[in-house]
N, C-alpha and C. Protein backbone atom coordinates (compact mmCIF):
# COMPACT_ATOMS: atom_id res chain seq x y z
N MET A 1 103.97 38.62 59.00
CA MET A 1 103.04 38.61 57.89
C MET A 1 102.72 37.15 57.54
N GLU A 2 101.46 36.89 57.28
CA GLU A 2 101.03 35.53 56.97
C GLU A 2 101.41 35.14 55.55
N ALA A 3 101.34 33.85 55.30
CA ALA A 3 101.66 33.35 53.96
C ALA A 3 100.66 33.86 52.93
N THR A 4 99.42 34.04 53.33
CA THR A 4 98.41 34.54 52.40
C THR A 4 98.74 35.97 51.98
N GLY A 5 99.14 36.77 52.93
CA GLY A 5 99.51 38.16 52.62
C GLY A 5 100.71 38.22 51.71
N LEU A 6 101.68 37.36 51.94
CA LEU A 6 102.86 37.32 51.06
C LEU A 6 102.48 36.85 49.66
N GLY A 7 101.52 35.93 49.58
CA GLY A 7 101.05 35.47 48.28
C GLY A 7 100.40 36.59 47.49
N TYR A 8 99.58 37.39 48.18
CA TYR A 8 98.95 38.53 47.52
C TYR A 8 99.99 39.56 47.08
N LEU A 9 100.99 39.79 47.93
CA LEU A 9 102.05 40.73 47.59
C LEU A 9 102.84 40.25 46.37
N ALA A 10 103.20 38.99 46.36
CA ALA A 10 103.95 38.43 45.23
C ALA A 10 103.14 38.47 43.95
N ALA A 11 101.85 38.15 44.04
CA ALA A 11 101.00 38.19 42.85
C ALA A 11 100.86 39.62 42.33
N GLY A 12 100.74 40.58 43.23
CA GLY A 12 100.64 41.98 42.82
C GLY A 12 101.91 42.47 42.15
N ILE A 13 103.05 42.13 42.73
CA ILE A 13 104.33 42.54 42.13
C ILE A 13 104.52 41.85 40.79
N GLY A 14 104.19 40.57 40.71
CA GLY A 14 104.31 39.85 39.45
C GLY A 14 103.42 40.43 38.37
N ALA A 15 102.19 40.77 38.72
CA ALA A 15 101.27 41.36 37.75
C ALA A 15 101.77 42.72 37.28
N ALA A 16 102.30 43.51 38.21
CA ALA A 16 102.81 44.83 37.85
C ALA A 16 104.00 44.72 36.91
N LEU A 17 104.93 43.83 37.21
CA LEU A 17 106.09 43.65 36.34
C LEU A 17 105.69 43.13 34.96
N THR A 18 104.69 42.27 34.94
CA THR A 18 104.20 41.73 33.66
C THR A 18 103.62 42.83 32.79
N VAL A 19 102.79 43.67 33.37
CA VAL A 19 102.16 44.74 32.61
C VAL A 19 103.19 45.78 32.16
N ILE A 20 104.14 46.10 33.03
CA ILE A 20 105.17 47.06 32.66
C ILE A 20 106.01 46.51 31.51
N GLY A 21 106.39 45.24 31.59
CA GLY A 21 107.18 44.63 30.52
C GLY A 21 106.43 44.56 29.21
N ALA A 22 105.16 44.24 29.26
CA ALA A 22 104.37 44.18 28.02
C ALA A 22 104.21 45.56 27.41
N GLY A 23 103.97 46.56 28.23
CA GLY A 23 103.84 47.92 27.71
C GLY A 23 105.12 48.40 27.07
N TYR A 24 106.24 48.10 27.70
CA TYR A 24 107.54 48.47 27.15
C TYR A 24 107.80 47.75 25.83
N GLY A 25 107.50 46.46 25.79
CA GLY A 25 107.73 45.68 24.58
C GLY A 25 106.87 46.14 23.41
N ILE A 26 105.61 46.39 23.67
CA ILE A 26 104.71 46.85 22.60
C ILE A 26 105.09 48.25 22.16
N GLY A 27 105.53 49.09 23.08
CA GLY A 27 105.98 50.43 22.72
C GLY A 27 107.19 50.40 21.81
N ARG A 28 108.17 49.55 22.16
CA ARG A 28 109.35 49.42 21.29
C ARG A 28 108.99 48.84 19.93
N LEU A 29 108.07 47.90 19.93
CA LEU A 29 107.62 47.29 18.68
C LEU A 29 106.95 48.32 17.79
N ALA A 30 106.08 49.13 18.34
CA ALA A 30 105.39 50.16 17.55
C ALA A 30 106.37 51.22 17.05
N ALA A 31 107.34 51.60 17.88
CA ALA A 31 108.33 52.58 17.45
C ALA A 31 109.15 52.06 16.28
N ALA A 32 109.54 50.80 16.35
CA ALA A 32 110.32 50.21 15.25
C ALA A 32 109.48 50.09 13.99
N ALA A 33 108.20 49.76 14.13
CA ALA A 33 107.33 49.66 12.96
C ALA A 33 107.11 51.03 12.32
N MET A 34 106.93 52.05 13.13
CA MET A 34 106.76 53.40 12.57
C MET A 34 108.03 53.88 11.89
N ASP A 35 109.17 53.54 12.46
CA ASP A 35 110.45 53.90 11.85
C ASP A 35 110.61 53.20 10.49
N ALA A 36 110.27 51.92 10.46
CA ALA A 36 110.38 51.18 9.20
C ALA A 36 109.40 51.71 8.16
N SER A 37 108.20 52.06 8.58
CA SER A 37 107.21 52.61 7.64
C SER A 37 107.64 53.98 7.12
N GLY A 38 108.31 54.75 7.95
CA GLY A 38 108.80 56.06 7.53
C GLY A 38 109.94 55.94 6.54
N ARG A 39 110.78 54.93 6.74
CA ARG A 39 111.92 54.75 5.84
C ARG A 39 111.51 54.17 4.49
N GLN A 40 110.58 53.21 4.51
CA GLN A 40 110.12 52.57 3.28
C GLN A 40 108.59 52.51 3.29
N PRO A 41 107.94 53.57 2.82
CA PRO A 41 106.47 53.60 2.87
C PRO A 41 105.79 52.51 2.03
N GLU A 42 106.50 51.97 1.05
CA GLU A 42 105.86 50.96 0.19
C GLU A 42 105.64 49.62 0.91
N VAL A 43 106.33 49.38 2.01
CA VAL A 43 106.14 48.13 2.75
C VAL A 43 105.38 48.35 4.05
N ALA A 44 104.71 49.46 4.16
CA ALA A 44 104.00 49.80 5.41
C ALA A 44 102.93 48.76 5.75
N GLY A 45 102.24 48.24 4.75
CA GLY A 45 101.20 47.25 5.01
C GLY A 45 101.76 45.96 5.60
N GLN A 46 102.87 45.50 5.06
CA GLN A 46 103.50 44.29 5.56
C GLN A 46 104.06 44.50 6.96
N VAL A 47 104.63 45.67 7.19
CA VAL A 47 105.18 45.98 8.52
C VAL A 47 104.04 46.05 9.54
N ARG A 48 102.93 46.64 9.16
CA ARG A 48 101.79 46.76 10.07
C ARG A 48 101.26 45.37 10.44
N THR A 49 101.16 44.49 9.45
CA THR A 49 100.68 43.14 9.71
C THR A 49 101.62 42.40 10.67
N SER A 50 102.91 42.49 10.42
CA SER A 50 103.88 41.85 11.30
C SER A 50 103.84 42.44 12.70
N MET A 51 103.63 43.75 12.79
CA MET A 51 103.56 44.40 14.09
C MET A 51 102.34 43.91 14.87
N LEU A 52 101.22 43.79 14.22
CA LEU A 52 100.01 43.33 14.91
C LEU A 52 100.15 41.89 15.40
N ILE A 53 100.77 41.04 14.58
CA ILE A 53 100.98 39.66 15.00
C ILE A 53 101.91 39.60 16.20
N ALA A 54 102.99 40.35 16.17
CA ALA A 54 103.92 40.37 17.29
C ALA A 54 103.27 40.95 18.55
N ALA A 55 102.47 41.99 18.40
CA ALA A 55 101.78 42.57 19.55
C ALA A 55 100.79 41.57 20.15
N ALA A 56 100.12 40.81 19.30
CA ALA A 56 99.19 39.80 19.80
C ALA A 56 99.93 38.71 20.58
N LEU A 57 101.11 38.33 20.11
CA LEU A 57 101.90 37.33 20.84
C LEU A 57 102.36 37.87 22.19
N ILE A 58 102.76 39.13 22.23
CA ILE A 58 103.17 39.74 23.49
C ILE A 58 101.99 39.79 24.46
N GLU A 59 100.83 40.17 23.96
CA GLU A 59 99.65 40.24 24.83
C GLU A 59 99.23 38.86 25.31
N GLY A 60 99.37 37.86 24.45
CA GLY A 60 99.05 36.49 24.87
C GLY A 60 99.93 36.02 26.01
N ALA A 61 101.22 36.29 25.90
CA ALA A 61 102.13 35.93 26.99
C ALA A 61 101.82 36.73 28.25
N THR A 62 101.41 37.98 28.08
CA THR A 62 101.05 38.82 29.23
C THR A 62 99.81 38.27 29.94
N PHE A 63 98.80 37.90 29.18
CA PHE A 63 97.58 37.36 29.79
C PHE A 63 97.88 36.04 30.51
N PHE A 64 98.76 35.23 29.94
CA PHE A 64 99.15 33.98 30.58
C PHE A 64 99.82 34.26 31.92
N ALA A 65 100.75 35.20 31.94
CA ALA A 65 101.45 35.55 33.18
C ALA A 65 100.49 36.14 34.21
N LEU A 66 99.55 36.97 33.76
CA LEU A 66 98.57 37.53 34.69
C LEU A 66 97.66 36.45 35.25
N ALA A 67 97.30 35.46 34.43
CA ALA A 67 96.48 34.36 34.93
C ALA A 67 97.23 33.57 35.99
N ILE A 68 98.52 33.36 35.79
CA ILE A 68 99.31 32.67 36.81
C ILE A 68 99.36 33.49 38.10
N CYS A 69 99.50 34.80 37.99
CA CYS A 69 99.51 35.66 39.18
C CYS A 69 98.18 35.58 39.92
N ILE A 70 97.09 35.56 39.19
CA ILE A 70 95.77 35.47 39.83
C ILE A 70 95.60 34.11 40.50
N ILE A 71 96.06 33.04 39.85
CA ILE A 71 95.96 31.72 40.45
C ILE A 71 96.79 31.65 41.73
N LEU A 72 97.99 32.23 41.69
CA LEU A 72 98.83 32.23 42.89
C LEU A 72 98.20 33.05 44.02
N ALA A 73 97.50 34.11 43.68
CA ALA A 73 96.87 34.95 44.71
C ALA A 73 95.69 34.26 45.36
N THR A 74 95.03 33.37 44.65
CA THR A 74 93.83 32.74 45.21
C THR A 74 94.14 31.44 45.97
N LYS A 75 95.37 30.97 45.92
CA LYS A 75 95.71 29.73 46.66
C LYS A 75 96.07 30.01 48.07
């Protein structure tokens, strides 16, 4: 197998692991936020805001990792 083919394979595996990790992280984050909102409904707004900020940070790191995978695939 050529180096180019291995680069594409590595980028594909890296992208898949990145997306799986981000989905798992955001899922756990949402579950914890829903649990907190169920336990204390009066702080649901604050929990929702914190959840959205954390989800945005997770997605930002995911997009960064995917960009690196794409750059590695095109070299």
